[in-house]
PDB file of N, CA and C in Angstrom:
ATOM      1  N   MET A   1     -18.052 -27.054-126.956  1.00  0.00           N
ATOM      2  CA  MET A   1     -18.610 -28.381-126.733  1.00  0.00           C
ATOM      3  C   MET A   1     -18.966 -29.020-128.086  1.00  0.00           C
ATOM      4  N   ILE A   2     -18.635 -30.277-128.230  1.00  0.00           N
ATOM      5  CA  ILE A   2     -18.888 -31.016-129.457  1.00  0.00           C
ATOM      6  C   ILE A   2     -20.302 -31.604-129.409  1.00  0.00           C
ATOM      7  N   PRO A   3     -21.130 -31.338-130.420  1.00  0.00           N
ATOM      8  CA  PRO A   3     -22.451 -31.967-130.441  1.00  0.00           C
ATOM      9  C   PRO A   3     -22.317 -33.490-130.547  1.00  0.00           C
ATOM     10  N   THR A   4     -23.088 -34.203-129.746  1.00  0.00           N
ATOM     11  CA  THR A   4     -23.034 -35.669-129.769  1.00  0.00           C
ATOM     12  C   THR A   4     -24.446 -36.241-129.853  1.00  0.00           C
ATOM     13  N   VAL A   5     -24.517 -37.461-130.378  1.00  0.00           N
ATOM     14  CA  VAL A   5     -25.757 -38.223-130.383  1.00  0.00           C
ATOM     15  C   VAL A   5     -25.427 -39.630-129.913  1.00  0.00           C
ATOM     16  N   THR A   6     -26.414 -40.285-129.339  1.00  0.00           N
ATOM     17  CA  THR A   6     -26.253 -41.680-128.949  1.00  0.00           C
ATOM     18  C   THR A   6     -26.754 -42.555-130.089  1.00  0.00           C
ATOM     19  N   VAL A   7     -26.401 -43.824-130.049  1.00  0.00           N
ATOM     20  CA  VAL A   7     -26.827 -44.742-131.108  1.00  0.00           C
ATOM     21  C   VAL A   7     -28.353 -44.730-131.281  1.00  0.00           C
ATOM     22  N   PRO A   8     -29.158 -44.813-130.201  1.00  0.00           N
ATOM     23  CA  PRO A   8     -30.613 -44.807-130.410  1.00  0.00           C
ATOM     24  C   PRO A   8     -31.139 -43.520-131.056  1.00  0.00           C
ATOM     25  N   GLU A   9     -30.393 -42.436-130.947  1.00  0.00           N
ATOM     26  CA  GLU A   9     -30.822 -41.162-131.530  1.00  0.00           C
ATOM     27  C   GLU A   9     -30.533 -41.061-133.030  1.00  0.00           C
ATOM     28  N   VAL A  10     -29.773 -42.003-133.575  1.00  0.00           N
ATOM     29  CA  VAL A  10     -29.446 -41.969-134.997  1.00  0.00           C
ATOM     30  C   VAL A  10     -30.613 -42.551-135.777  1.00  0.00           C
ATOM     31  N   ALA A  11     -31.310 -41.683-136.490  1.00  0.00           N
ATOM     32  CA  ALA A  11     -32.475 -42.105-137.262  1.00  0.00           C
ATOM     33  C   ALA A  11     -32.047 -42.820-138.532  1.00  0.00           C
ATOM     34  N   GLU A  12     -32.890 -43.709-139.003  1.00  0.00           N
ATOM     35  CA  GLU A  12     -32.630 -44.373-140.274  1.00  0.00           C
ATOM     36  C   GLU A  12     -32.542 -43.303-141.357  1.00  0.00           C
ATOM     37  N   GLY A  13     -31.569 -43.427-142.224  1.00  0.00           N
ATOM     38  CA  GLY A  13     -31.380 -42.457-143.287  1.00  0.00           C
ATOM     39  C   GLY A  13     -30.421 -41.331-142.947  1.00  0.00           C
ATOM     40  N   THR A  14     -29.975 -41.260-141.681  1.00  0.00           N
ATOM     41  CA  THR A  14     -28.982 -40.257-141.307  1.00  0.00           C
ATOM     42  C   THR A  14     -27.683 -40.552-142.042  1.00  0.00           C
ATOM     43  N   HIS A  15     -27.010 -39.513-142.497  1.00  0.00           N
ATOM     44  CA  HIS A  15     -25.738 -39.702-143.199  1.00  0.00           C
ATOM     45  C   HIS A  15     -24.650 -40.008-142.162  1.00  0.00           C
ATOM     46  N   LEU A  16     -24.076 -41.204-142.231  1.00  0.00           N
ATOM     47  CA  LEU A  16     -22.983 -41.590-141.344  1.00  0.00           C
ATOM     48  C   LEU A  16     -21.662 -41.411-142.075  1.00  0.00           C
ATOM     49  N   LEU A  17     -20.749 -40.682-141.464  1.00  0.00           N
ATOM     50  CA  LEU A  17     -19.412 -40.467-142.006  1.00  0.00           C
ATOM     51  C   LEU A  17     -18.428 -41.230-141.132  1.00  0.00           C
ATOM     52  N   ASP A  18     -17.892 -42.321-141.657  1.00  0.00           N
ATOM     53  CA  ASP A  18     -16.966 -43.183-140.920  1.00  0.00           C
ATOM     54  C   ASP A  18     -15.540 -42.729-141.230  1.00  0.00           C
ATOM     55  N   VAL A  19     -14.813 -42.297-140.200  1.00  0.00           N
ATOM     56  CA  VAL A  19     -13.481 -41.719-140.399  1.00  0.00           C
ATOM     57  C   VAL A  19     -12.353 -42.656-139.963  1.00  0.00           C
ATOM     58  N   ARG A  20     -12.673 -43.946-139.810  1.00  0.00           N
ATOM     59  CA  ARG A  20     -11.649 -44.908-139.392  1.00  0.00           C
ATOM     60  C   ARG A  20     -10.712 -45.253-140.549  1.00  0.00           C
ATOM     61  N   GLU A  21      -9.656 -45.942-140.218  1.00  0.00           N
ATOM     62  CA  GLU A  21      -8.670 -46.363-141.206  1.00  0.00           C
ATOM     63  C   GLU A  21      -9.252 -47.488-142.079  1.00  0.00           C
ATOM     64  N   PRO A  22      -8.700 -47.683-143.285  1.00  0.00           N
ATOM     65  CA  PRO A  22      -9.256 -48.683-144.202  1.00  0.00           C
ATOM     66  C   PRO A  22      -9.401 -50.086-143.620  1.00  0.00           C
ATOM     67  N   GLU A  23      -8.425 -50.540-142.837  1.00  0.00           N
ATOM     68  CA  GLU A  23      -8.536 -51.888-142.274  1.00  0.00           C
ATOM     69  C   GLU A  23      -9.658 -51.977-141.239  1.00  0.00           C
ATOM     70  N   GLU A  24      -9.911 -50.894-140.507  1.00  0.00           N
ATOM     71  CA  GLU A  24     -11.018 -50.874-139.552  1.00  0.00           C
ATOM     72  C   GLU A  24     -12.357 -50.919-140.300  1.00  0.00           C
ATOM     73  N   TRP A  25     -12.438 -50.114-141.336  1.00  0.00           N
ATOM     74  CA  TRP A  25     -13.638 -50.081-142.181  1.00  0.00           C
ATOM     75  C   TRP A  25     -13.930 -51.458-142.758  1.00  0.00           C
ATOM     76  N   ALA A  26     -12.898 -52.109-143.295  1.00  0.00           N
ATOM     77  CA  ALA A  26     -13.067 -53.413-143.929  1.00  0.00           C
ATOM     78  C   ALA A  26     -13.607 -54.449-142.954  1.00  0.00           C
ATOM     79  N   GLY A  27     -13.220 -54.351-141.680  1.00  0.00           N
ATOM     80  CA  GLY A  27     -13.665 -55.314-140.680  1.00  0.00           C
ATOM     81  C   GLY A  27     -15.140 -55.239-140.369  1.00  0.00           C
ATOM     82  N   GLY A  28     -15.692 -54.051-140.425  1.00  0.00           N
ATOM     83  CA  GLY A  28     -17.108 -53.890-140.149  1.00  0.00           C
ATOM     84  C   GLY A  28     -17.514 -52.436-140.089  1.00  0.00           C
ATOM     85  N   HIS A  29     -18.601 -52.113-140.784  1.00  0.00           N
ATOM     86  CA  HIS A  29     -19.114 -50.748-140.812  1.00  0.00           C
ATOM     87  C   HIS A  29     -20.620 -50.766-141.033  1.00  0.00           C
ATOM     88  N   ALA A  30     -21.238 -49.641-140.777  1.00  0.00           N
ATOM     89  CA  ALA A  30     -22.669 -49.514-141.040  1.00  0.00           C
ATOM     90  C   ALA A  30     -22.896 -49.627-142.547  1.00  0.00           C
ATOM     91  N   PRO A  31     -23.946 -50.312-142.968  1.00  0.00           N
ATOM     92  CA  PRO A  31     -24.144 -50.604-144.388  1.00  0.00           C
ATOM     93  C   PRO A  31     -24.144 -49.394-145.317  1.00  0.00           C
ATOM     94  N   ASP A  32     -24.730 -48.293-144.898  1.00  0.00           N
ATOM     95  CA  ASP A  32     -24.844 -47.130-145.782  1.00  0.00           C
ATOM     96  C   ASP A  32     -23.876 -46.004-145.437  1.00  0.00           C
ATOM     97  N   ALA A  33     -22.890 -46.286-144.602  1.00  0.00           N
ATOM     98  CA  ALA A  33     -21.950 -45.245-144.191  1.00  0.00           C
ATOM     99  C   ALA A  33     -21.040 -44.831-145.347  1.00  0.00           C
ATOM    100  N   GLN A  34     -20.558 -43.605-145.263  1.00  0.00           N
ATOM    101  CA  GLN A  34     -19.562 -43.076-146.194  1.00  0.00           C
ATOM    102  C   GLN A  34     -18.203 -43.208-145.515  1.00  0.00           C
ATOM    103  N   HIS A  35     -17.211 -43.701-146.233  1.00  0.00           N
ATOM    104  CA  HIS A  35     -15.883 -43.873-145.653  1.00  0.00           C
ATOM    105  C   HIS A  35     -14.927 -42.801-146.165  1.00  0.00           C
ATOM    106  N   VAL A  36     -14.475 -41.957-145.246  1.00  0.00           N
ATOM    107  CA  VAL A  36     -13.435 -40.978-145.536  1.00  0.00           C
ATOM    108  C   VAL A  36     -12.479 -41.018-144.340  1.00  0.00           C
ATOM    109  N   PRO A  37     -11.340 -41.707-144.465  1.00  0.00           N
ATOM    110  CA  PRO A  37     -10.404 -41.757-143.338  1.00  0.00           C
ATOM    111  C   PRO A  37     -10.053 -40.355-142.841  1.00  0.00           C
ATOM    112  N   MET A  38      -9.891 -40.227-141.545  1.00  0.00           N
ATOM    113  CA  MET A  38      -9.640 -38.935-140.913  1.00  0.00           C
ATOM    114  C   MET A  38      -8.519 -38.157-141.594  1.00  0.00           C
ATOM    115  N   GLY A  39      -7.436 -38.823-141.935  1.00  0.00           N
ATOM    116  CA  GLY A  39      -6.301 -38.149-142.545  1.00  0.00           C
ATOM    117  C   GLY A  39      -6.567 -37.620-143.943  1.00  0.00           C
ATOM    118  N   GLU A  40      -7.593 -38.150-144.605  1.00  0.00           N
ATOM    119  CA  GLU A  40      -7.935 -37.711-145.957  1.00  0.00           C
ATOM    120  C   GLU A  40      -8.989 -36.608-145.967  1.00  0.00           C
ATOM    121  N   LEU A  41      -9.601 -36.355-144.836  1.00  0.00           N
ATOM    122  CA  LEU A  41     -10.725 -35.429-144.792  1.00  0.00           C
ATOM    123  C   LEU A  41     -10.397 -34.034-145.325  1.00  0.00           C
ATOM    124  N   PRO A  42      -9.259 -33.438-144.954  1.00  0.00           N
ATOM    125  CA  PRO A  42      -9.002 -32.078-145.454  1.00  0.00           C
ATOM    126  C   PRO A  42      -9.028 -31.959-146.978  1.00  0.00           C
ATOM    127  N   THR A  43      -8.651 -33.006-147.689  1.00  0.00           N
ATOM    128  CA  THR A  43      -8.653 -32.942-149.149  1.00  0.00           C
ATOM    129  C   THR A  43      -9.951 -33.465-149.753  1.00  0.00           C
ATOM    130  N   ARG A  44     -10.848 -33.968-148.903  1.00  0.00           N
ATOM    131  CA  ARG A  44     -12.107 -34.543-149.398  1.00  0.00           C
ATOM    132  C   ARG A  44     -13.337 -33.868-148.784  1.00  0.00           C
ATOM    133  N   LEU A  45     -13.165 -32.646-148.284  1.00  0.00           N
ATOM    134  CA  LEU A  45     -14.271 -31.941-147.632  1.00  0.00           C
ATOM    135  C   LEU A  45     -15.504 -31.819-148.516  1.00  0.00           C
ATOM    136  N   ALA A  46     -15.303 -31.655-149.804  1.00  0.00           N
ATOM    137  CA  ALA A  46     -16.430 -31.480-150.720  1.00  0.00           C
ATOM    138  C   ALA A  46     -17.350 -32.703-150.747  1.00  0.00           C
ATOM    139  N   GLU A  47     -16.861 -33.844-150.264  1.00  0.00           N
ATOM    140  CA  GLU A  47     -17.667 -35.067-150.250  1.00  0.00           C
ATOM    141  C   GLU A  47     -18.616 -35.141-149.052  1.00  0.00           C
ATOM    142  N   VAL A  48     -18.415 -34.273-148.073  1.00  0.00           N
ATOM    143  CA  VAL A  48     -19.244 -34.301-146.861  1.00  0.00           C
ATOM    144  C   VAL A  48     -20.475 -33.423-147.094  1.00  0.00           C
ATOM    145  N   PRO A  49     -21.669 -34.004-146.973  1.00  0.00           N
ATOM    146  CA  PRO A  49     -22.889 -33.240-147.249  1.00  0.00           C
ATOM    147  C   PRO A  49     -23.048 -32.025-146.335  1.00  0.00           C
ATOM    148  N   THR A  50     -23.573 -30.969-146.910  1.00  0.00           N
ATOM    149  CA  THR A  50     -23.894 -29.775-146.129  1.00  0.00           C
ATOM    150  C   THR A  50     -25.399 -29.577-146.020  1.00  0.00           C
ATOM    151  N   ASP A  51     -26.154 -30.391-146.755  1.00  0.00           N
ATOM    152  CA  ASP A  51     -27.604 -30.203-146.825  1.00  0.00           C
ATOM    153  C   ASP A  51     -28.388 -31.244-146.036  1.00  0.00           C
ATOM    154  N   GLN A  52     -27.698 -32.011-145.189  1.00  0.00           N
ATOM    155  CA  GLN A  52     -28.392 -32.986-144.344  1.00  0.00           C
ATOM    156  C   GLN A  52     -27.575 -33.210-143.082  1.00  0.00           C
ATOM    157  N   ASP A  53     -28.206 -33.807-142.073  1.00  0.00           N
ATOM    158  CA  ASP A  53     -27.499 -34.097-140.834  1.00  0.00           C
ATOM    159  C   ASP A  53     -26.439 -35.156-141.089  1.00  0.00           C
ATOM    160  N   VAL A  54     -25.274 -34.951-140.481  1.00  0.00           N
ATOM    161  CA  VAL A  54     -24.147 -35.869-140.615  1.00  0.00           C
ATOM    162  C   VAL A  54     -23.726 -36.315-139.223  1.00  0.00           C
ATOM    163  N   VAL A  55     -23.639 -37.629-139.028  1.00  0.00           N
ATOM    164  CA  VAL A  55     -23.123 -38.180-137.777  1.00  0.00           C
ATOM    165  C   VAL A  55     -21.772 -38.805-138.094  1.00  0.00           C
ATOM    166  N   VAL A  56     -20.747 -38.359-137.381  1.00  0.00           N
ATOM    167  CA  VAL A  56     -19.384 -38.828-137.617  1.00  0.00           C
ATOM    168  C   VAL A  56     -19.074 -39.939-136.626  1.00  0.00           C
ATOM    169  N   VAL A  57     -18.453 -41.016-137.139  1.00  0.00           N
ATOM    170  CA  VAL A  57     -18.200 -42.195-136.310  1.00  0.00           C
ATOM    171  C   VAL A  57     -16.776 -42.691-136.508  1.00  0.00           C
ATOM    172  N   CYS A  58     -16.182 -43.166-135.423  1.00  0.00           N
ATOM    173  CA  CYS A  58     -14.896 -43.878-135.455  1.00  0.00           C
ATOM    174  C   CYS A  58     -15.068 -45.110-134.569  1.00  0.00           C
ATOM    175  N   ARG A  59     -14.009 -45.627-134.037  1.00  0.00           N
ATOM    176  CA  ARG A  59     -14.111 -46.832-133.198  1.00  0.00           C
ATOM    177  C   ARG A  59     -14.792 -46.541-131.862  1.00  0.00           C
ATOM    178  N   SER A  60     -14.311 -45.476-131.183  1.00  0.00           N
ATOM    179  CA  SER A  60     -14.819 -45.213-129.832  1.00  0.00           C
ATOM    180  C   SER A  60     -15.409 -43.824-129.634  1.00  0.00           C
ATOM    181  N   GLY A  61     -15.238 -42.942-130.605  1.00  0.00           N
ATOM    182  CA  GLY A  61     -15.779 -41.592-130.482  1.00  0.00           C
ATOM    183  C   GLY A  61     -14.741 -40.507-130.297  1.00  0.00           C
ATOM    184  N   VAL A  62     -13.469 -40.868-130.172  1.00  0.00           N
ATOM    185  CA  VAL A  62     -12.423 -39.864-129.946  1.00  0.00           C
ATOM    186  C   VAL A  62     -12.021 -39.189-131.255  1.00  0.00           C
ATOM    187  N   ARG A  63     -11.642 -39.980-132.250  1.00  0.00           N
ATOM    188  CA  ARG A  63     -11.251 -39.385-133.543  1.00  0.00           C
ATOM    189  C   ARG A  63     -12.417 -38.645-134.171  1.00  0.00           C
ATOM    190  N   SER A  64     -13.591 -39.230-134.085  1.00  0.00           N
ATOM    191  CA  SER A  64     -14.753 -38.586-134.697  1.00  0.00           C
ATOM    192  C   SER A  64     -15.068 -37.250-134.027  1.00  0.00           C
ATOM    193  N   ALA A  65     -14.814 -37.114-132.723  1.00  0.00           N
ATOM    194  CA  ALA A  65     -15.011 -35.829-132.049  1.00  0.00           C
ATOM    195  C   ALA A  65     -14.079 -34.774-132.639  1.00  0.00           C
ATOM    196  N   HIS A  66     -12.836 -35.157-132.931  1.00  0.00           N
ATOM    197  CA  HIS A  66     -11.894 -34.226-133.562  1.00  0.00           C
ATOM    198  C   HIS A  66     -12.395 -33.813-134.946  1.00  0.00           C
ATOM    199  N   VAL A  67     -12.949 -34.766-135.683  1.00  0.00           N
ATOM    200  CA  VAL A  67     -13.462 -34.475-137.023  1.00  0.00           C
ATOM    201  C   VAL A  67     -14.665 -33.534-136.939  1.00  0.00           C
ATOM    202  N   VAL A  68     -15.564 -33.758-135.998  1.00  0.00           N
ATOM    203  CA  VAL A  68     -16.715 -32.866-135.830  1.00  0.00           C
ATOM    204  C   VAL A  68     -16.223 -31.452-135.551  1.00  0.00           C
ATOM    205  N   HIS A  69     -15.255 -31.317-134.677  1.00  0.00           N
ATOM    206  CA  HIS A  69     -14.690 -29.999-134.362  1.00  0.00           C
ATOM    207  C   HIS A  69     -14.114 -29.360-135.630  1.00  0.00           C
ATOM    208  N   PHE A  70     -13.373 -30.131-136.414  1.00  0.00           N
ATOM    209  CA  PHE A  70     -12.778 -29.654-137.666  1.00  0.00           C
ATOM    210  C   PHE A  70     -13.864 -29.191-138.635  1.00  0.00           C
ATOM    211  N   LEU A  71     -14.914 -29.998-138.791  1.00  0.00           N
ATOM    212  CA  LEU A  71     -15.984 -29.639-139.713  1.00  0.00           C
ATOM    213  C   LEU A  71     -16.705 -28.368-139.264  1.00  0.00           C
ATOM    214  N   ILE A  72     -16.956 -28.255-137.977  1.00  0.00           N
ATOM    215  CA  ILE A  72     -17.604 -27.040-137.458  1.00  0.00           C
ATOM    216  C   ILE A  72     -16.718 -25.824-137.741  1.00  0.00           C
ATOM    217  N   ASP A  73     -15.419 -25.970-137.537  1.00  0.00           N
ATOM    218  CA  ASP A  73     -14.486 -24.872-137.818  1.00  0.00           C
ATOM    219  C   ASP A  73     -14.478 -24.492-139.296  1.00  0.00           C
ATOM    220  N   HIS A  74     -14.904 -25.415-140.153  1.00  0.00           N
ATOM    221  CA  HIS A  74     -14.928 -25.159-141.591  1.00  0.00           C
ATOM    222  C   HIS A  74     -16.340 -24.891-142.115  1.00  0.00           C
ATOM    223  N   GLY A  75     -17.259 -24.552-141.219  1.00  0.00           N
ATOM    224  CA  GLY A  75     -18.568 -24.077-141.625  1.00  0.00           C
ATOM    225  C   GLY A  75     -19.730 -25.033-141.528  1.00  0.00           C
ATOM    226  N   TRP A  76     -19.506 -26.285-141.180  1.00  0.00           N
ATOM    227  CA  TRP A  76     -20.625 -27.229-141.050  1.00  0.00           C
ATOM    228  C   TRP A  76     -21.387 -26.916-139.764  1.00  0.00           C
ATOM    229  N   ARG A  77     -22.698 -26.995-139.827  1.00  0.00           N
ATOM    230  CA  ARG A  77     -23.541 -26.767-138.644  1.00  0.00           C
ATOM    231  C   ARG A  77     -24.427 -27.971-138.365  1.00  0.00           C
ATOM    232  N   ASN A  78     -24.349 -28.951-139.236  1.00  0.00           N
ATOM    233  CA  ASN A  78     -25.266 -30.092-139.174  1.00  0.00           C
ATOM    234  C   ASN A  78     -24.538 -31.380-138.805  1.00  0.00           C
ATOM    235  N   VAL A  79     -23.488 -31.288-137.978  1.00  0.00           N
ATOM    236  CA  VAL A  79     -22.689 -32.472-137.655  1.00  0.00           C
ATOM    237  C   VAL A  79     -22.743 -32.790-136.165  1.00  0.00           C
ATOM    238  N   ALA A  80     -22.615 -34.084-135.863  1.00  0.00           N
ATOM    239  CA  ALA A  80     -22.575 -34.542-134.478  1.00  0.00           C
ATOM    240  C   ALA A  80     -21.678 -35.771-134.402  1.00  0.00           C
ATOM    241  N   ASN A  81     -21.122 -35.987-133.237  1.00  0.00           N
ATOM    242  CA  ASN A  81     -20.267 -37.144-132.970  1.00  0.00           C
ATOM    243  C   ASN A  81     -21.122 -38.287-132.428  1.00  0.00           C
ATOM    244  N   LEU A  82     -20.848 -39.509-132.913  1.00  0.00           N
ATOM    245  CA  LEU A  82     -21.556 -40.673-132.379  1.00  0.00           C
ATOM    246  C   LEU A  82     -20.872 -41.107-131.083  1.00  0.00           C
ATOM    247  N   GLU A  83     -21.565 -40.920-129.982  1.00  0.00           N
ATOM    248  CA  GLU A  83     -21.038 -41.279-128.667  1.00  0.00           C
ATOM    249  C   GLU A  83     -20.748 -42.777-128.611  1.00  0.00           C
ATOM    250  N   GLY A  84     -19.513 -43.121-128.265  1.00  0.00           N
ATOM    251  CA  GLY A  84     -19.130 -44.523-128.153  1.00  0.00           C
ATOM    252  C   GLY A  84     -18.744 -45.177-129.466  1.00  0.00           C
ATOM    253  N   GLY A  85     -18.919 -44.461-130.570  1.00  0.00           N
ATOM    254  CA  GLY A  85     -18.477 -44.939-131.875  1.00  0.00           C
ATOM    255  C   GLY A  85     -19.062 -46.277-132.297  1.00  0.00           C
ATOM    256  N   MET A  86     -18.307 -46.955-133.153  1.00  0.00           N
ATOM    257  CA  MET A  86     -18.753 -48.249-133.677  1.00  0.00           C
ATOM    258  C   MET A  86     -18.850 -49.304-132.582  1.00  0.00           C
ATOM    259  N   GLN A  87     -18.117 -49.134-131.499  1.00  0.00           N
ATOM    260  CA  GLN A  87     -18.244 -50.091-130.393  1.00  0.00           C
ATOM    261  C   GLN A  87     -19.671 -50.064-129.849  1.00  0.00           C
ATOM    262  N   GLN A  88     -20.228 -48.864-129.668  1.00  0.00           N
ATOM    263  CA  GLN A  88     -21.603 -48.762-129.177  1.00  0.00           C
ATOM    264  C   GLN A  88     -22.609 -49.145-130.248  1.00  0.00           C
ATOM    265  N   TRP A  89     -22.297 -48.828-131.503  1.00  0.00           N
ATOM    266  CA  TRP A  89     -23.165 -49.210-132.622  1.00  0.00           C
ATOM    267  C   TRP A  89     -23.357 -50.735-132.622  1.00  0.00           C
ATOM    268  N   ALA A  90     -22.230 -51.447-132.535  1.00  0.00           N
ATOM    269  CA  ALA A  90     -22.274 -52.918-132.536  1.00  0.00           C
ATOM    270  C   ALA A  90     -22.969 -53.444-131.285  1.00  0.00           C
ATOM    271  N   ALA A  91     -22.670 -52.857-130.128  1.00  0.00           N
ATOM    272  CA  ALA A  91     -23.271 -53.301-128.872  1.00  0.00           C
ATOM    273  C   ALA A  91     -24.785 -53.124-128.881  1.00  0.00           C
ATOM    274  N   ALA A  92     -25.259 -52.126-129.622  1.00  0.00           N
ATOM    275  CA  ALA A  92     -26.695 -51.871-129.703  1.00  0.00           C
ATOM    276  C   ALA A  92     -27.380 -52.770-130.732  1.00  0.00           C
ATOM    277  N   GLY A  93     -26.587 -53.593-131.417  1.00  0.00           N
ATOM    278  CA  GLY A  93     -27.162 -54.505-132.398  1.00  0.00           C
ATOM    279  C   GLY A  93     -27.555 -53.854-133.708  1.00  0.00           C
ATOM    280  N   ARG A  94     -26.997 -52.672-133.989  1.00  0.00           N
ATOM    281  CA  ARG A  94     -27.305 -52.008-135.258  1.00  0.00           C
ATOM    282  C   ARG A  94     -26.610 -52.764-136.385  1.00  0.00           C
ATOM    283  N   PRO A  95     -27.125 -52.689-137.609  1.00  0.00           N
ATOM    284  CA  PRO A  95     -26.569 -53.473-138.715  1.00  0.00           C
ATOM    285  C   PRO A  95     -25.137 -53.103-139.057  1.00  0.00           C
ATOM    286  N   MET A  96     -24.369 -54.136-139.413  1.00  0.00           N
ATOM    287  CA  MET A  96     -22.980 -53.963-139.830  1.00  0.00           C
ATOM    288  C   MET A  96     -22.683 -54.938-140.957  1.00  0.00           C
ATOM    289  N   VAL A  97     -21.778 -54.527-141.834  1.00  0.00           N
ATOM    290  CA  VAL A  97     -21.298 -55.391-142.907  1.00  0.00           C
ATOM    291  C   VAL A  97     -19.783 -55.301-142.947  1.00  0.00           C
ATOM    292  N   SER A  98     -19.158 -56.320-143.535  1.00  0.00           N
ATOM    293  CA  SER A  98     -17.705 -56.288-143.716  1.00  0.00           C
ATOM    294  C   SER A  98     -17.415 -56.275-145.210  1.00  0.00           C
ATOM    295  N   ASP A  99     -16.230 -55.828-145.575  1.00  0.00           N
ATOM    296  CA  ASP A  99     -15.861 -55.807-146.985  1.00  0.00           C
ATOM    297  C   ASP A  99     -15.662 -57.205-147.543  1.00  0.00           C
ATOM    298  N   GLY A 100     -15.242 -58.152-146.717  1.00  0.00           N
ATOM    299  CA  GLY A 100     -14.976 -59.488-147.195  1.00  0.00           C
ATOM    300  C   GLY A 100     -16.187 -60.387-147.242  1.00  0.00           C
ATOM    301  N   GLY A 101     -17.318 -59.906-146.742  1.00  0.00           N
ATOM    302  CA  GLY A 101     -18.527 -60.715-146.752  1.00  0.00           C
ATOM    303  C   GLY A 101     -18.683 -61.605-145.548  1.00  0.00           C
ATOM    304  N   GLY A 102     -17.623 -61.712-144.717  1.00  0.00           N
ATOM    305  CA  GLY A 102     -17.711 -62.523-143.504  1.00  0.00           C
ATOM    306  C   GLY A 102     -18.393 -61.765-142.386  1.00  0.00           C
ATOM    307  N   PRO A 103     -18.374 -62.330-141.188  1.00  0.00           N
ATOM    308  CA  PRO A 103     -18.973 -61.648-140.046  1.00  0.00           C
ATOM    309  C   PRO A 103     -18.288 -60.303-139.800  1.00  0.00           C
ATOM    310  N   ALA A 104     -19.089 -59.282-139.583  1.00  0.00           N
ATOM    311  CA  ALA A 104     -18.559 -57.940-139.321  1.00  0.00           C
ATOM    312  C   ALA A 104     -18.177 -57.822-137.856  1.00  0.00           C
ATOM    313  N   SER A 105     -17.095 -57.089-137.609  1.00  0.00           N
ATOM    314  CA  SER A 105     -16.672 -56.815-136.243  1.00  0.00           C
ATOM    315  C   SER A 105     -16.001 -55.450-136.196  1.00  0.00           C
ATOM    316  N   VAL A 106     -15.930 -54.898-135.000  1.00  0.00           N
ATOM    317  CA  VAL A 106     -15.287 -53.610-134.795  1.00  0.00           C
ATOM    318  C   VAL A 106     -13.820 -53.868-134.462  1.00  0.00           C
ATOM    319  N   LEU A 107     -12.936 -53.386-135.312  1.00  0.00           N
ATOM    320  CA  LEU A 107     -11.489 -53.554-135.081  1.00  0.00           C
ATOM    321  C   LEU A 107     -10.944 -52.369-134.320  1.00  0.00           C
TER     322      LEU A 107
END
């Protein structure tokens, strides 16, 4: 079973790992999230913190669930999937920014 958290359970200061593609990220993301596209993760594992809780997010929660499983298989114990992904993040009114400075949206 993949550990999951809901948007209200994500505390301020939690490390968010956004695994969406660059164009999705550019459209809108959490202000302090770390961007590592899913396909790049195997070569960028050292960038994922091991000393704090990590919540992995994608658009809807499917890709991020795969990433959580991958991280657990590689020794992480402090990871969880964001249920509903950025769609739920946006629906809950949590802060978002876009790379272009315009209105942020979930692509």
